[in-house]
Amino acid sequence: MFYVYVLVNPSDGSLYYGYSADLRRRYREHQRNEHPGWILAYYEAYFDESDARRRERKLKQYGAGRGHLKERIQCSIERVLKSAG
């Protein structure tokens, strides 16, 4: 499986979009290095790697896809922010 995921920074609500073939390993790496304390708020699973990579690129381009996803996971993002608060 291949994963596209969203991390939320509980202190300011900023989002990080990523892709990985091993979501658990990648999340641990984020916790140790780039994004300690950020929380996994959402992920999508794909059978095909090219589908996952294409989806990640669309989300990182700040287009309508990102806006639609933010709208769809709004309650999850708010829950992360409340739990940090």
PDB file of N, CA and C in Angstrom:
ATOM      1  N   MET A   1       0.839  -1.187   0.000  1.00  0.00           N
ATOM      2  CA  MET A   1       0.000   0.000   0.000  1.00  0.00           C
ATOM      3  C   MET A   1       0.880   1.244   0.000  1.00  0.00           C
ATOM      4  N   PHE A   2       0.292   2.318  -0.494  1.00  0.00           N
ATOM      5  CA  PHE A   2       0.962   3.615  -0.545  1.00  0.00           C
ATOM      6  C   PHE A   2       0.016   4.632   0.072  1.00  0.00           C
ATOM      7  N   TYR A   3       0.574   5.563   0.826  1.00  0.00           N
ATOM      8  CA  TYR A   3      -0.244   6.454   1.642  1.00  0.00           C
ATOM      9  C   TYR A   3       0.050   7.919   1.357  1.00  0.00           C
ATOM     10  N   VAL A   4      -1.010   8.699   1.344  1.00  0.00           N
ATOM     11  CA  VAL A   4      -0.924  10.156   1.361  1.00  0.00           C
ATOM     12  C   VAL A   4      -1.492  10.544   2.717  1.00  0.00           C
ATOM     13  N   TYR A   5      -0.801  11.440   3.429  1.00  0.00           N
ATOM     14  CA  TYR A   5      -1.209  11.730   4.799  1.00  0.00           C
ATOM     15  C   TYR A   5      -1.130  13.220   5.094  1.00  0.00           C
ATOM     16  N   VAL A   6      -1.809  13.604   6.176  1.00  0.00           N
ATOM     17  CA  VAL A   6      -1.822  14.993   6.613  1.00  0.00           C
ATOM     18  C   VAL A   6      -1.437  15.028   8.086  1.00  0.00           C
ATOM     19  N   LEU A   7      -0.426  15.819   8.395  1.00  0.00           N
ATOM     20  CA  LEU A   7      -0.032  16.077   9.776  1.00  0.00           C
ATOM     21  C   LEU A   7      -0.509  17.470  10.153  1.00  0.00           C
ATOM     22  N   VAL A   8      -0.902  17.638  11.414  1.00  0.00           N
ATOM     23  CA  VAL A   8      -1.345  18.935  11.912  1.00  0.00           C
ATOM     24  C   VAL A   8      -0.416  19.373  13.034  1.00  0.00           C
ATOM     25  N   ASN A   9       0.014  20.632  12.965  1.00  0.00           N
ATOM     26  CA  ASN A   9       0.802  21.212  14.041  1.00  0.00           C
ATOM     27  C   ASN A   9      -0.179  21.691  15.105  1.00  0.00           C
ATOM     28  N   PRO A  10      -0.194  21.073  16.284  1.00  0.00           N
ATOM     29  CA  PRO A  10      -1.181  21.441  17.292  1.00  0.00           C
ATOM     30  C   PRO A  10      -1.011  22.851  17.841  1.00  0.00           C
ATOM     31  N   SER A  11       0.149  23.447  17.667  1.00  0.00           N
ATOM     32  CA  SER A  11       0.354  24.787  18.228  1.00  0.00           C
ATOM     33  C   SER A  11      -0.193  25.899  17.333  1.00  0.00           C
ATOM     34  N   ASP A  12      -0.193  25.691  16.014  1.00  0.00           N
ATOM     35  CA  ASP A  12      -0.674  26.778  15.148  1.00  0.00           C
ATOM     36  C   ASP A  12      -1.634  26.335  14.042  1.00  0.00           C
ATOM     37  N   GLY A  13      -1.918  25.028  13.971  1.00  0.00           N
ATOM     38  CA  GLY A  13      -2.877  24.535  12.988  1.00  0.00           C
ATOM     39  C   GLY A  13      -2.349  24.365  11.574  1.00  0.00           C
ATOM     40  N   SER A  14      -1.058  24.587  11.382  1.00  0.00           N
ATOM     41  CA  SER A  14      -0.520  24.405  10.031  1.00  0.00           C
ATOM     42  C   SER A  14      -0.538  22.927   9.658  1.00  0.00           C
ATOM     43  N   LEU A  15      -0.588  22.673   8.359  1.00  0.00           N
ATOM     44  CA  LEU A  15      -0.717  21.309   7.849  1.00  0.00           C
ATOM     45  C   LEU A  15       0.499  20.936   7.018  1.00  0.00           C
ATOM     46  N   TYR A  16       0.841  19.654   7.063  1.00  0.00           N
ATOM     47  CA  TYR A  16       1.897  19.099   6.229  1.00  0.00           C
ATOM     48  C   TYR A  16       1.298  17.927   5.462  1.00  0.00           C
ATOM     49  N   TYR A  17       1.533  17.897   4.149  1.00  0.00           N
ATOM     50  CA  TYR A  17       1.026  16.825   3.295  1.00  0.00           C
ATOM     51  C   TYR A  17       2.205  15.978   2.847  1.00  0.00           C
ATOM     52  N   GLY A  18       2.075  14.667   2.949  1.00  0.00           N
ATOM     53  CA  GLY A  18       3.171  13.794   2.570  1.00  0.00           C
ATOM     54  C   GLY A  18       2.698  12.504   1.929  1.00  0.00           C
ATOM     55  N   TYR A  19       3.679  11.722   1.485  1.00  0.00           N
ATOM     56  CA  TYR A  19       3.449  10.444   0.819  1.00  0.00           C
ATOM     57  C   TYR A  19       4.452   9.447   1.373  1.00  0.00           C
ATOM     58  N   SER A  20       4.050   8.189   1.519  1.00  0.00           N
ATOM     59  CA  SER A  20       4.975   7.155   1.969  1.00  0.00           C
ATOM     60  C   SER A  20       4.431   5.772   1.642  1.00  0.00           C
ATOM     61  N   ALA A  21       5.331   4.852   1.439  1.00  0.00           N
ATOM     62  CA  ALA A  21       4.954   3.448   1.288  1.00  0.00           C
ATOM     63  C   ALA A  21       4.859   2.770   2.654  1.00  0.00           C
ATOM     64  N   ASP A  22       5.404   3.413   3.681  1.00  0.00           N
ATOM     65  CA  ASP A  22       5.355   2.871   5.045  1.00  0.00           C
ATOM     66  C   ASP A  22       4.967   4.007   5.993  1.00  0.00           C
ATOM     67  N   LEU A  23       3.695   4.163   6.200  1.00  0.00           N
ATOM     68  CA  LEU A  23       3.181   5.302   6.959  1.00  0.00           C
ATOM     69  C   LEU A  23       3.686   5.316   8.400  1.00  0.00           C
ATOM     70  N   ARG A  24       3.710   4.182   9.049  1.00  0.00           N
ATOM     71  CA  ARG A  24       4.174   4.143  10.446  1.00  0.00           C
ATOM     72  C   ARG A  24       5.626   4.580  10.574  1.00  0.00           C
ATOM     73  N   ARG A  25       6.475   4.059   9.708  1.00  0.00           N
ATOM     74  CA  ARG A  25       7.895   4.443   9.740  1.00  0.00           C
ATOM     75  C   ARG A  25       8.055   5.934   9.464  1.00  0.00           C
ATOM     76  N   ARG A  26       7.348   6.429   8.467  1.00  0.00           N
ATOM     77  CA  ARG A  26       7.465   7.828   8.087  1.00  0.00           C
ATOM     78  C   ARG A  26       6.975   8.739   9.202  1.00  0.00           C
ATOM     79  N   TYR A  27       5.902   8.358   9.862  1.00  0.00           N
ATOM     80  CA  TYR A  27       5.400   9.170  10.977  1.00  0.00           C
ATOM     81  C   TYR A  27       6.428   9.223  12.109  1.00  0.00           C
ATOM     82  N   ARG A  28       7.059   8.080  12.416  1.00  0.00           N
ATOM     83  CA  ARG A  28       8.114   8.076  13.442  1.00  0.00           C
ATOM     84  C   ARG A  28       9.267   8.992  13.046  1.00  0.00           C
ATOM     85  N   GLU A  29       9.628   8.997  11.763  1.00  0.00           N
ATOM     86  CA  GLU A  29      10.700   9.887  11.298  1.00  0.00           C
ATOM     87  C   GLU A  29      10.315  11.349  11.493  1.00  0.00           C
ATOM     88  N   HIS A  30       9.068  11.675  11.178  1.00  0.00           N
ATOM     89  CA  HIS A  30       8.603  13.051  11.400  1.00  0.00           C
ATOM     90  C   HIS A  30       8.718  13.414  12.872  1.00  0.00           C
ATOM     91  N   GLN A  31       8.343  12.506  13.741  1.00  0.00           N
ATOM     92  CA  GLN A  31       8.382  12.778  15.177  1.00  0.00           C
ATOM     93  C   GLN A  31       9.816  12.996  15.671  1.00  0.00           C
ATOM     94  N   ARG A  32      10.760  12.280  15.096  1.00  0.00           N
ATOM     95  CA  ARG A  32      12.160  12.402  15.516  1.00  0.00           C
ATOM     96  C   ARG A  32      12.849  13.603  14.883  1.00  0.00           C
ATOM     97  N   ASN A  33      12.438  13.990  13.677  1.00  0.00           N
ATOM     98  CA  ASN A  33      13.211  14.975  12.925  1.00  0.00           C
ATOM     99  C   ASN A  33      12.440  16.253  12.603  1.00  0.00           C
ATOM    100  N   GLU A  34      11.716  16.238  11.506  1.00  0.00           N
ATOM    101  CA  GLU A  34      11.161  17.463  10.948  1.00  0.00           C
ATOM    102  C   GLU A  34       9.979  18.051  11.710  1.00  0.00           C
ATOM    103  N   HIS A  35       9.087  17.210  12.211  1.00  0.00           N
ATOM    104  CA  HIS A  35       7.835  17.696  12.783  1.00  0.00           C
ATOM    105  C   HIS A  35       7.504  17.037  14.125  1.00  0.00           C
ATOM    106  N   PRO A  36       8.371  17.186  15.109  1.00  0.00           N
ATOM    107  CA  PRO A  36       8.060  16.579  16.407  1.00  0.00           C
ATOM    108  C   PRO A  36       6.817  17.218  17.014  1.00  0.00           C
ATOM    109  N   GLY A  37       5.950  16.384  17.547  1.00  0.00           N
ATOM    110  CA  GLY A  37       4.734  16.879  18.176  1.00  0.00           C
ATOM    111  C   GLY A  37       3.552  17.035  17.236  1.00  0.00           C
ATOM    112  N   TRP A  38       3.794  16.976  15.926  1.00  0.00           N
ATOM    113  CA  TRP A  38       2.690  17.075  14.976  1.00  0.00           C
ATOM    114  C   TRP A  38       1.885  15.783  15.037  1.00  0.00           C
ATOM    115  N   ILE A  39       0.604  15.882  14.735  1.00  0.00           N
ATOM    116  CA  ILE A  39      -0.303  14.746  14.885  1.00  0.00           C
ATOM    117  C   ILE A  39      -0.849  14.326  13.528  1.00  0.00           C
ATOM    118  N   LEU A  40      -0.886  13.023  13.323  1.00  0.00           N
ATOM    119  CA  LEU A  40      -1.473  12.481  12.099  1.00  0.00           C
ATOM    120  C   LEU A  40      -2.985  12.653  12.183  1.00  0.00           C
ATOM    121  N   ALA A  41      -3.549  13.449  11.273  1.00  0.00           N
ATOM    122  CA  ALA A  41      -4.985  13.742  11.312  1.00  0.00           C
ATOM    123  C   ALA A  41      -5.758  12.993  10.244  1.00  0.00           C
ATOM    124  N   TYR A  42      -5.058  12.530   9.190  1.00  0.00           N
ATOM    125  CA  TYR A  42      -5.783  11.947   8.063  1.00  0.00           C
ATOM    126  C   TYR A  42      -4.806  11.196   7.177  1.00  0.00           C
ATOM    127  N   TYR A  43      -5.293  10.130   6.546  1.00  0.00           N
ATOM    128  CA  TYR A  43      -4.505   9.474   5.509  1.00  0.00           C
ATOM    129  C   TYR A  43      -5.414   8.791   4.513  1.00  0.00           C
ATOM    130  N   GLU A  44      -4.894   8.593   3.319  1.00  0.00           N
ATOM    131  CA  GLU A  44      -5.571   7.863   2.249  1.00  0.00           C
ATOM    132  C   GLU A  44      -4.640   6.737   1.831  1.00  0.00           C
ATOM    133  N   ALA A  45      -5.192   5.582   1.526  1.00  0.00           N
ATOM    134  CA  ALA A  45      -4.399   4.429   1.104  1.00  0.00           C
ATOM    135  C   ALA A  45      -4.674   4.121  -0.361  1.00  0.00           C
ATOM    136  N   TYR A  46      -3.620   3.790  -1.087  1.00  0.00           N
ATOM    137  CA  TYR A  46      -3.705   3.472  -2.508  1.00  0.00           C
ATOM    138  C   TYR A  46      -2.982   2.166  -2.782  1.00  0.00           C
ATOM    139  N   PHE A  47      -3.507   1.393  -3.718  1.00  0.00           N
ATOM    140  CA  PHE A  47      -2.814   0.187  -4.161  1.00  0.00           C
ATOM    141  C   PHE A  47      -1.674   0.529  -5.107  1.00  0.00           C
ATOM    142  N   ASP A  48      -1.838   1.597  -5.872  1.00  0.00           N
ATOM    143  CA  ASP A  48      -0.858   1.944  -6.894  1.00  0.00           C
ATOM    144  C   ASP A  48      -0.053   3.174  -6.474  1.00  0.00           C
ATOM    145  N   GLU A  49       1.251   3.078  -6.553  1.00  0.00           N
ATOM    146  CA  GLU A  49       2.128   4.164  -6.129  1.00  0.00           C
ATOM    147  C   GLU A  49       1.903   5.435  -6.936  1.00  0.00           C
ATOM    148  N   SER A  50       1.685   5.303  -8.230  1.00  0.00           N
ATOM    149  CA  SER A  50       1.523   6.506  -9.060  1.00  0.00           C
ATOM    150  C   SER A  50       0.265   7.284  -8.665  1.00  0.00           C
ATOM    151  N   ASP A  51      -0.784   6.589  -8.237  1.00  0.00           N
ATOM    152  CA  ASP A  51      -1.985   7.283  -7.763  1.00  0.00           C
ATOM    153  C   ASP A  51      -1.686   8.096  -6.512  1.00  0.00           C
ATOM    154  N   ALA A  52      -0.952   7.516  -5.579  1.00  0.00           N
ATOM    155  CA  ALA A  52      -0.612   8.203  -4.335  1.00  0.00           C
ATOM    156  C   ALA A  52       0.287   9.404  -4.602  1.00  0.00           C
ATOM    157  N   ARG A  53       1.271   9.240  -5.452  1.00  0.00           N
ATOM    158  CA  ARG A  53       2.177  10.357  -5.764  1.00  0.00           C
ATOM    159  C   ARG A  53       1.435  11.500  -6.462  1.00  0.00           C
ATOM    160  N   ARG A  54       0.535  11.146  -7.354  1.00  0.00           N
ATOM    161  CA  ARG A  54      -0.246  12.164  -8.061  1.00  0.00           C
ATOM    162  C   ARG A  54      -1.121  12.939  -7.071  1.00  0.00           C
ATOM    163  N   ARG A  55      -1.748  12.225  -6.146  1.00  0.00           N
ATOM    164  CA  ARG A  55      -2.599  12.871  -5.144  1.00  0.00           C
ATOM    165  C   ARG A  55      -1.787  13.806  -4.248  1.00  0.00           C
ATOM    166  N   GLU A  56      -0.603  13.369  -3.820  1.00  0.00           N
ATOM    167  CA  GLU A  56       0.243  14.225  -2.981  1.00  0.00           C
ATOM    168  C   GLU A  56       0.622  15.491  -3.740  1.00  0.00           C
ATOM    169  N   ARG A  57       1.002  15.363  -4.999  1.00  0.00           N
ATOM    170  CA  ARG A  57       1.368  16.541  -5.793  1.00  0.00           C
ATOM    171  C   ARG A  57       0.206  17.528  -5.891  1.00  0.00           C
ATOM    172  N   LYS A  58      -0.991  17.003  -6.102  1.00  0.00           N
ATOM    173  CA  LYS A  58      -2.172  17.877  -6.190  1.00  0.00           C
ATOM    174  C   LYS A  58      -2.389  18.634  -4.884  1.00  0.00           C
ATOM    175  N   LEU A  59      -2.228  17.969  -3.753  1.00  0.00           N
ATOM    176  CA  LEU A  59      -2.420  18.619  -2.467  1.00  0.00           C
ATOM    177  C   LEU A  59      -1.354  19.666  -2.195  1.00  0.00           C
ATOM    178  N   LYS A  60      -0.144  19.419  -2.634  1.00  0.00           N
ATOM    179  CA  LYS A  60       0.947  20.353  -2.385  1.00  0.00           C
ATOM    180  C   LYS A  60       0.920  21.558  -3.327  1.00  0.00           C
ATOM    181  N   GLN A  61       0.073  21.520  -4.343  1.00  0.00           N
ATOM    182  CA  GLN A  61      -0.006  22.632  -5.293  1.00  0.00           C
ATOM    183  C   GLN A  61      -0.982  23.718  -4.856  1.00  0.00           C
ATOM    184  N   TYR A  62      -1.539  23.632  -3.669  1.00  0.00           N
ATOM    185  CA  TYR A  62      -2.458  24.646  -3.139  1.00  0.00           C
ATOM    186  C   TYR A  62      -3.698  24.835  -4.001  1.00  0.00           C
ATOM    187  N   GLY A  63      -4.096  23.840  -4.723  1.00  0.00           N
ATOM    188  CA  GLY A  63      -5.260  23.960  -5.588  1.00  0.00           C
ATOM    189  C   GLY A  63      -6.558  23.626  -4.873  1.00  0.00           C
ATOM    190  N   ALA A  64      -7.574  23.412  -5.674  1.00  0.00           N
ATOM    191  CA  ALA A  64      -8.897  23.108  -5.144  1.00  0.00           C
ATOM    192  C   ALA A  64      -8.891  21.815  -4.335  1.00  0.00           C
ATOM    193  N   GLY A  65      -8.033  20.873  -4.707  1.00  0.00           N
ATOM    194  CA  GLY A  65      -7.963  19.604  -3.981  1.00  0.00           C
ATOM    195  C   GLY A  65      -7.628  19.808  -2.518  1.00  0.00           C
ATOM    196  N   ARG A  66      -6.711  20.715  -2.248  1.00  0.00           N
ATOM    197  CA  ARG A  66      -6.331  21.005  -0.863  1.00  0.00           C
ATOM    198  C   ARG A  66      -7.505  21.629  -0.114  1.00  0.00           C
ATOM    199  N   GLY A  67      -8.181  22.559  -0.746  1.00  0.00           N
ATOM    200  CA  GLY A  67      -9.327  23.204  -0.109  1.00  0.00           C
ATOM    201  C   GLY A  67     -10.442  22.216   0.197  1.00  0.00           C
ATOM    202  N   HIS A  68     -10.710  21.323  -0.749  1.00  0.00           N
ATOM    203  CA  HIS A  68     -11.746  20.317  -0.534  1.00  0.00           C
ATOM    204  C   HIS A  68     -11.366  19.371   0.607  1.00  0.00           C
ATOM    205  N   LEU A  69     -10.099  18.986   0.658  1.00  0.00           N
ATOM    206  CA  LEU A  69      -9.668  18.086   1.729  1.00  0.00           C
ATOM    207  C   LEU A  69      -9.757  18.782   3.084  1.00  0.00           C
ATOM    208  N   LYS A  70      -9.306  20.031   3.168  1.00  0.00           N
ATOM    209  CA  LYS A  70      -9.395  20.766   4.435  1.00  0.00           C
ATOM    210  C   LYS A  70     -10.844  20.839   4.916  1.00  0.00           C
ATOM    211  N   GLU A  71     -11.737  21.064   3.986  1.00  0.00           N
ATOM    212  CA  GLU A  71     -13.152  21.132   4.323  1.00  0.00           C
ATOM    213  C   GLU A  71     -13.650  19.777   4.824  1.00  0.00           C
ATOM    214  N   ARG A  72     -13.205  18.720   4.165  1.00  0.00           N
ATOM    215  CA  ARG A  72     -13.647  17.372   4.512  1.00  0.00           C
ATOM    216  C   ARG A  72     -13.130  16.915   5.875  1.00  0.00           C
ATOM    217  N   ILE A  73     -11.938  17.358   6.253  1.00  0.00           N
ATOM    218  CA  ILE A  73     -11.355  16.901   7.529  1.00  0.00           C
ATOM    219  C   ILE A  73     -11.340  18.007   8.584  1.00  0.00           C
ATOM    220  N   GLN A  74     -12.168  18.999   8.412  1.00  0.00           N
ATOM    221  CA  GLN A  74     -12.213  20.146   9.312  1.00  0.00           C
ATOM    222  C   GLN A  74     -12.400  19.738  10.773  1.00  0.00           C
ATOM    223  N   CYS A  75     -13.302  18.815  11.040  1.00  0.00           N
ATOM    224  CA  CYS A  75     -13.549  18.390  12.426  1.00  0.00           C
ATOM    225  C   CYS A  75     -12.331  17.680  13.021  1.00  0.00           C
ATOM    226  N   SER A  76     -11.631  16.911  12.217  1.00  0.00           N
ATOM    227  CA  SER A  76     -10.420  16.232  12.701  1.00  0.00           C
ATOM    228  C   SER A  76      -9.345  17.244  13.052  1.00  0.00           C
ATOM    229  N   ILE A  77      -9.180  18.247  12.213  1.00  0.00           N
ATOM    230  CA  ILE A  77      -8.188  19.295  12.490  1.00  0.00           C
ATOM    231  C   ILE A  77      -8.561  20.035  13.771  1.00  0.00           C
ATOM    232  N   GLU A  78      -9.818  20.391  13.912  1.00  0.00           N
ATOM    233  CA  GLU A  78     -10.267  21.094  15.114  1.00  0.00           C
ATOM    234  C   GLU A  78     -10.057  20.247  16.367  1.00  0.00           C
ATOM    235  N   ARG A  79     -10.272  18.954  16.270  1.00  0.00           N
ATOM    236  CA  ARG A  79     -10.076  18.066  17.418  1.00  0.00           C
ATOM    237  C   ARG A  79      -8.610  18.054  17.843  1.00  0.00           C
ATOM    238  N   VAL A  80      -7.696  18.022  16.873  1.00  0.00           N
ATOM    239  CA  VAL A  80      -6.261  18.065  17.193  1.00  0.00           C
ATOM    240  C   VAL A  80      -5.936  19.366  17.917  1.00  0.00           C
ATOM    241  N   LEU A  81      -6.456  20.472  17.409  1.00  0.00           N
ATOM    242  CA  LEU A  81      -6.163  21.769  18.012  1.00  0.00           C
ATOM    243  C   LEU A  81      -6.750  21.887  19.421  1.00  0.00           C
ATOM    244  N   LYS A  82      -7.947  21.349  19.653  1.00  0.00           N
ATOM    245  CA  LYS A  82      -8.554  21.379  20.977  1.00  0.00           C
ATOM    246  C   LYS A  82      -7.775  20.525  21.967  1.00  0.00           C
ATOM    247  N   SER A  83      -7.293  19.372  21.499  1.00  0.00           N
ATOM    248  CA  SER A  83      -6.561  18.486  22.412  1.00  0.00           C
ATOM    249  C   SER A  83      -5.223  19.087  22.826  1.00  0.00           C
ATOM    250  N   ALA A  84      -4.695  19.983  22.003  1.00  0.00           N
ATOM    251  CA  ALA A  84      -3.412  20.612  22.330  1.00  0.00           C
ATOM    252  C   ALA A  84      -3.594  21.808  23.247  1.00  0.00           C
ATOM    253  N   GLY A  85      -4.799  22.348  23.260  1.00  0.00           N
ATOM    254  CA  GLY A  85      -5.047  23.603  23.882  1.00  0.00           C
ATOM    255  C   GLY A  85      -5.190  23.747  25.305  1.00  0.00           C
TER     256      GLY A  85
END
